[in-house]
N, C-alpha and C. Protein backbone atom coordinates (compact mmCIF):
# COMPACT_ATOMS: atom_id res chain seq x y z
N UNK A 1 22.09 3.61 11.98
CA UNK A 1 22.03 2.51 12.93
C UNK A 1 20.59 2.31 13.39
N UNK A 2 20.18 1.08 13.49
CA UNK A 2 18.84 0.74 13.95
C UNK A 2 18.81 0.83 15.47
N UNK A 3 17.77 1.51 15.98
CA UNK A 3 17.63 1.70 17.42
C UNK A 3 16.34 1.06 17.91
N UNK A 4 16.22 0.95 19.24
CA UNK A 4 14.98 0.45 19.83
C UNK A 4 13.82 1.34 19.41
N UNK A 5 12.69 0.73 19.13
CA UNK A 5 11.45 1.36 18.69
C UNK A 5 11.45 1.73 17.21
N UNK A 6 12.55 1.47 16.49
CA UNK A 6 12.57 1.68 15.03
C UNK A 6 11.80 0.54 14.36
N UNK A 7 11.15 0.86 13.25
CA UNK A 7 10.55 -0.18 12.42
C UNK A 7 11.63 -0.76 11.53
N UNK A 8 11.57 -2.07 11.31
CA UNK A 8 12.53 -2.76 10.46
C UNK A 8 11.79 -3.68 9.50
N UNK A 9 12.47 -4.05 8.43
CA UNK A 9 11.93 -4.92 7.39
C UNK A 9 12.74 -6.22 7.38
N UNK A 10 12.05 -7.34 7.36
CA UNK A 10 12.75 -8.63 7.24
C UNK A 10 13.43 -8.73 5.87
N UNK A 11 14.65 -9.25 5.86
CA UNK A 11 15.37 -9.45 4.60
C UNK A 11 15.39 -10.92 4.19
N UNK A 12 14.78 -11.77 5.00
CA UNK A 12 14.74 -13.22 4.74
C UNK A 12 13.35 -13.75 5.07
N UNK A 13 12.99 -14.89 4.48
CA UNK A 13 11.78 -15.61 4.88
C UNK A 13 12.07 -16.40 6.15
N UNK A 14 11.11 -16.43 7.06
CA UNK A 14 11.22 -17.22 8.29
C UNK A 14 9.95 -18.08 8.41
N UNK A 15 9.86 -19.14 7.59
CA UNK A 15 8.63 -19.95 7.55
C UNK A 15 8.28 -20.57 8.90
N UNK A 16 9.27 -20.83 9.74
CA UNK A 16 8.98 -21.42 11.05
C UNK A 16 8.19 -20.47 11.94
N UNK A 17 8.20 -19.17 11.60
CA UNK A 17 7.44 -18.15 12.33
C UNK A 17 6.29 -17.58 11.49
N UNK A 18 6.07 -18.12 10.31
CA UNK A 18 5.08 -17.62 9.34
C UNK A 18 5.38 -16.17 8.93
N UNK A 19 6.64 -15.82 8.87
CA UNK A 19 7.06 -14.47 8.46
C UNK A 19 7.76 -14.55 7.11
N UNK A 20 7.58 -13.49 6.32
CA UNK A 20 8.16 -13.46 4.98
C UNK A 20 9.03 -12.22 4.81
N UNK A 21 9.99 -12.34 3.90
CA UNK A 21 10.81 -11.20 3.54
C UNK A 21 9.88 -10.04 3.20
N UNK A 22 10.16 -8.88 3.75
CA UNK A 22 9.33 -7.71 3.52
C UNK A 22 8.37 -7.40 4.66
N UNK A 23 8.14 -8.37 5.56
CA UNK A 23 7.29 -8.10 6.72
C UNK A 23 7.97 -7.05 7.60
N UNK A 24 7.14 -6.23 8.25
CA UNK A 24 7.65 -5.12 9.05
C UNK A 24 7.40 -5.39 10.52
N UNK A 25 8.42 -5.14 11.33
CA UNK A 25 8.31 -5.29 12.78
C UNK A 25 8.92 -4.08 13.47
N UNK A 26 8.85 -4.09 14.80
CA UNK A 26 9.40 -3.01 15.61
C UNK A 26 10.46 -3.57 16.55
N UNK A 27 11.61 -2.94 16.58
CA UNK A 27 12.69 -3.36 17.47
C UNK A 27 12.30 -3.02 18.91
N UNK A 28 12.29 -4.04 19.76
CA UNK A 28 11.99 -3.80 21.17
C UNK A 28 13.23 -3.92 22.05
N UNK A 29 14.31 -4.48 21.50
CA UNK A 29 15.57 -4.56 22.24
C UNK A 29 16.71 -4.78 21.24
N UNK A 30 17.83 -4.13 21.52
CA UNK A 30 19.02 -4.29 20.70
C UNK A 30 20.05 -5.10 21.49
N UNK A 31 20.78 -5.99 20.82
CA UNK A 31 21.79 -6.82 21.46
C UNK A 31 23.18 -6.48 20.94
N UNK A 32 24.13 -6.41 21.84
CA UNK A 32 25.54 -6.24 21.51
C UNK A 32 25.78 -5.12 20.50
N UNK A 33 25.23 -3.95 20.77
CA UNK A 33 25.47 -2.79 19.93
C UNK A 33 24.95 -2.92 18.51
N UNK A 34 23.88 -3.69 18.32
CA UNK A 34 23.27 -3.81 16.99
C UNK A 34 23.64 -5.08 16.24
N UNK A 35 24.26 -6.05 16.91
CA UNK A 35 24.56 -7.32 16.25
C UNK A 35 23.31 -8.20 16.13
N UNK A 36 22.30 -7.89 16.94
CA UNK A 36 21.05 -8.62 16.90
C UNK A 36 19.95 -7.80 17.53
N UNK A 37 18.70 -8.25 17.32
CA UNK A 37 17.55 -7.49 17.79
C UNK A 37 16.43 -8.42 18.22
N UNK A 38 15.66 -7.99 19.21
CA UNK A 38 14.36 -8.58 19.50
C UNK A 38 13.37 -7.74 18.70
N UNK A 39 12.61 -8.39 17.84
CA UNK A 39 11.68 -7.67 16.97
C UNK A 39 10.27 -8.19 17.20
N UNK A 40 9.34 -7.26 17.41
CA UNK A 40 7.94 -7.61 17.61
C UNK A 40 7.19 -7.38 16.31
N UNK A 41 6.41 -8.39 15.92
CA UNK A 41 5.59 -8.31 14.72
C UNK A 41 4.13 -8.26 15.15
N UNK A 42 3.37 -7.41 14.48
CA UNK A 42 1.98 -7.16 14.84
C UNK A 42 1.04 -7.52 13.69
N UNK A 43 -0.19 -7.86 14.05
CA UNK A 43 -1.24 -7.98 13.05
C UNK A 43 -1.71 -6.56 12.71
N UNK A 44 -2.51 -6.44 11.66
CA UNK A 44 -2.98 -5.12 11.21
C UNK A 44 -3.78 -4.41 12.31
N UNK A 45 -4.47 -5.18 13.15
CA UNK A 45 -5.26 -4.54 14.21
C UNK A 45 -4.47 -4.28 15.49
N UNK A 46 -3.15 -4.45 15.44
CA UNK A 46 -2.28 -4.06 16.55
C UNK A 46 -1.99 -5.13 17.58
N UNK A 47 -2.45 -6.36 17.34
CA UNK A 47 -2.16 -7.43 18.29
C UNK A 47 -0.78 -8.02 17.99
N UNK A 48 -0.04 -8.35 19.05
CA UNK A 48 1.27 -8.96 18.87
C UNK A 48 1.11 -10.32 18.22
N UNK A 49 1.82 -10.53 17.11
CA UNK A 49 1.84 -11.82 16.44
C UNK A 49 2.95 -12.69 17.01
N UNK A 50 4.16 -12.10 17.15
CA UNK A 50 5.31 -12.82 17.69
C UNK A 50 6.42 -11.83 18.02
N UNK A 51 7.29 -12.23 18.92
CA UNK A 51 8.52 -11.49 19.22
C UNK A 51 9.64 -12.48 19.03
N UNK A 52 10.59 -12.17 18.14
CA UNK A 52 11.67 -13.11 17.87
C UNK A 52 13.02 -12.40 17.86
N UNK A 53 14.06 -13.19 18.11
CA UNK A 53 15.43 -12.69 18.08
C UNK A 53 15.98 -12.86 16.68
N UNK A 54 16.52 -11.78 16.12
CA UNK A 54 17.06 -11.80 14.76
C UNK A 54 18.47 -11.25 14.73
N UNK A 55 19.26 -11.77 13.82
CA UNK A 55 20.60 -11.22 13.58
C UNK A 55 20.46 -9.95 12.75
N UNK A 56 21.44 -9.07 12.85
CA UNK A 56 21.39 -7.80 12.13
C UNK A 56 21.19 -7.99 10.63
N UNK A 57 21.77 -9.04 10.06
CA UNK A 57 21.65 -9.28 8.61
C UNK A 57 20.25 -9.72 8.20
N UNK A 58 19.39 -10.06 9.15
CA UNK A 58 18.05 -10.52 8.83
C UNK A 58 17.03 -9.38 8.76
N UNK A 59 17.46 -8.17 9.09
CA UNK A 59 16.57 -7.01 9.04
C UNK A 59 17.30 -5.82 8.44
N UNK A 60 16.51 -4.84 8.01
CA UNK A 60 17.07 -3.59 7.54
C UNK A 60 16.13 -2.47 7.96
N UNK A 61 16.63 -1.26 7.96
CA UNK A 61 15.79 -0.11 8.30
C UNK A 61 14.75 0.10 7.21
N UNK A 62 13.61 0.67 7.59
CA UNK A 62 12.58 0.99 6.60
C UNK A 62 13.04 2.18 5.76
N UNK A 63 12.48 2.28 4.57
CA UNK A 63 12.78 3.35 3.64
C UNK A 63 11.51 4.18 3.48
N UNK A 64 11.63 5.48 3.50
CA UNK A 64 10.46 6.35 3.41
C UNK A 64 9.73 6.25 2.07
N UNK A 65 10.32 5.60 1.09
CA UNK A 65 9.69 5.46 -0.24
C UNK A 65 9.05 4.08 -0.42
N UNK A 66 8.77 3.38 0.68
CA UNK A 66 8.16 2.05 0.61
C UNK A 66 6.70 2.12 1.03
N UNK A 67 5.90 1.19 0.52
CA UNK A 67 4.50 1.07 0.88
C UNK A 67 4.30 -0.12 1.80
N UNK A 68 3.34 -0.02 2.72
CA UNK A 68 2.96 -1.16 3.55
C UNK A 68 2.07 -2.08 2.75
N UNK A 69 2.00 -3.34 3.15
CA UNK A 69 1.23 -4.34 2.43
C UNK A 69 0.60 -5.29 3.45
N UNK A 70 -0.62 -5.71 3.24
CA UNK A 70 -1.28 -6.67 4.13
C UNK A 70 -1.40 -8.01 3.43
N UNK A 71 -1.26 -9.09 4.21
CA UNK A 71 -1.42 -10.44 3.69
C UNK A 71 -2.02 -11.30 4.78
N UNK A 72 -2.82 -12.31 4.41
CA UNK A 72 -3.43 -13.17 5.42
C UNK A 72 -2.40 -14.13 6.02
N UNK A 73 -2.58 -14.44 7.28
CA UNK A 73 -1.73 -15.42 7.96
C UNK A 73 -2.36 -16.79 7.80
N UNK A 74 -1.53 -17.82 7.81
CA UNK A 74 -2.04 -19.19 7.74
C UNK A 74 -2.71 -19.52 9.07
N UNK A 75 -3.72 -20.36 9.00
CA UNK A 75 -4.38 -20.83 10.21
C UNK A 75 -3.43 -21.79 10.93
N UNK A 76 -3.39 -21.73 12.24
CA UNK A 76 -2.57 -22.66 13.04
C UNK A 76 -3.18 -24.04 12.97
N UNK A 77 -2.29 -25.04 12.95
CA UNK A 77 -2.77 -26.43 12.88
C UNK A 77 -3.22 -26.91 14.23
């Protein structure tokens, strides 16, 4: 079960937030026993990029056999 402060991986693209499947965030709040989560996404230098509400199906727990990856963010219009 995913708990608060666990790292999670997006399982879907969220273009409205400039987030992509595979992006990693940290759970800052759990809703209704894990039916949903508030997830904070950070830039590589540790600044908060966004905090969004996600359904449980939109994230999964991290796997110890995965590598982190960096990608540039689009410039805001």
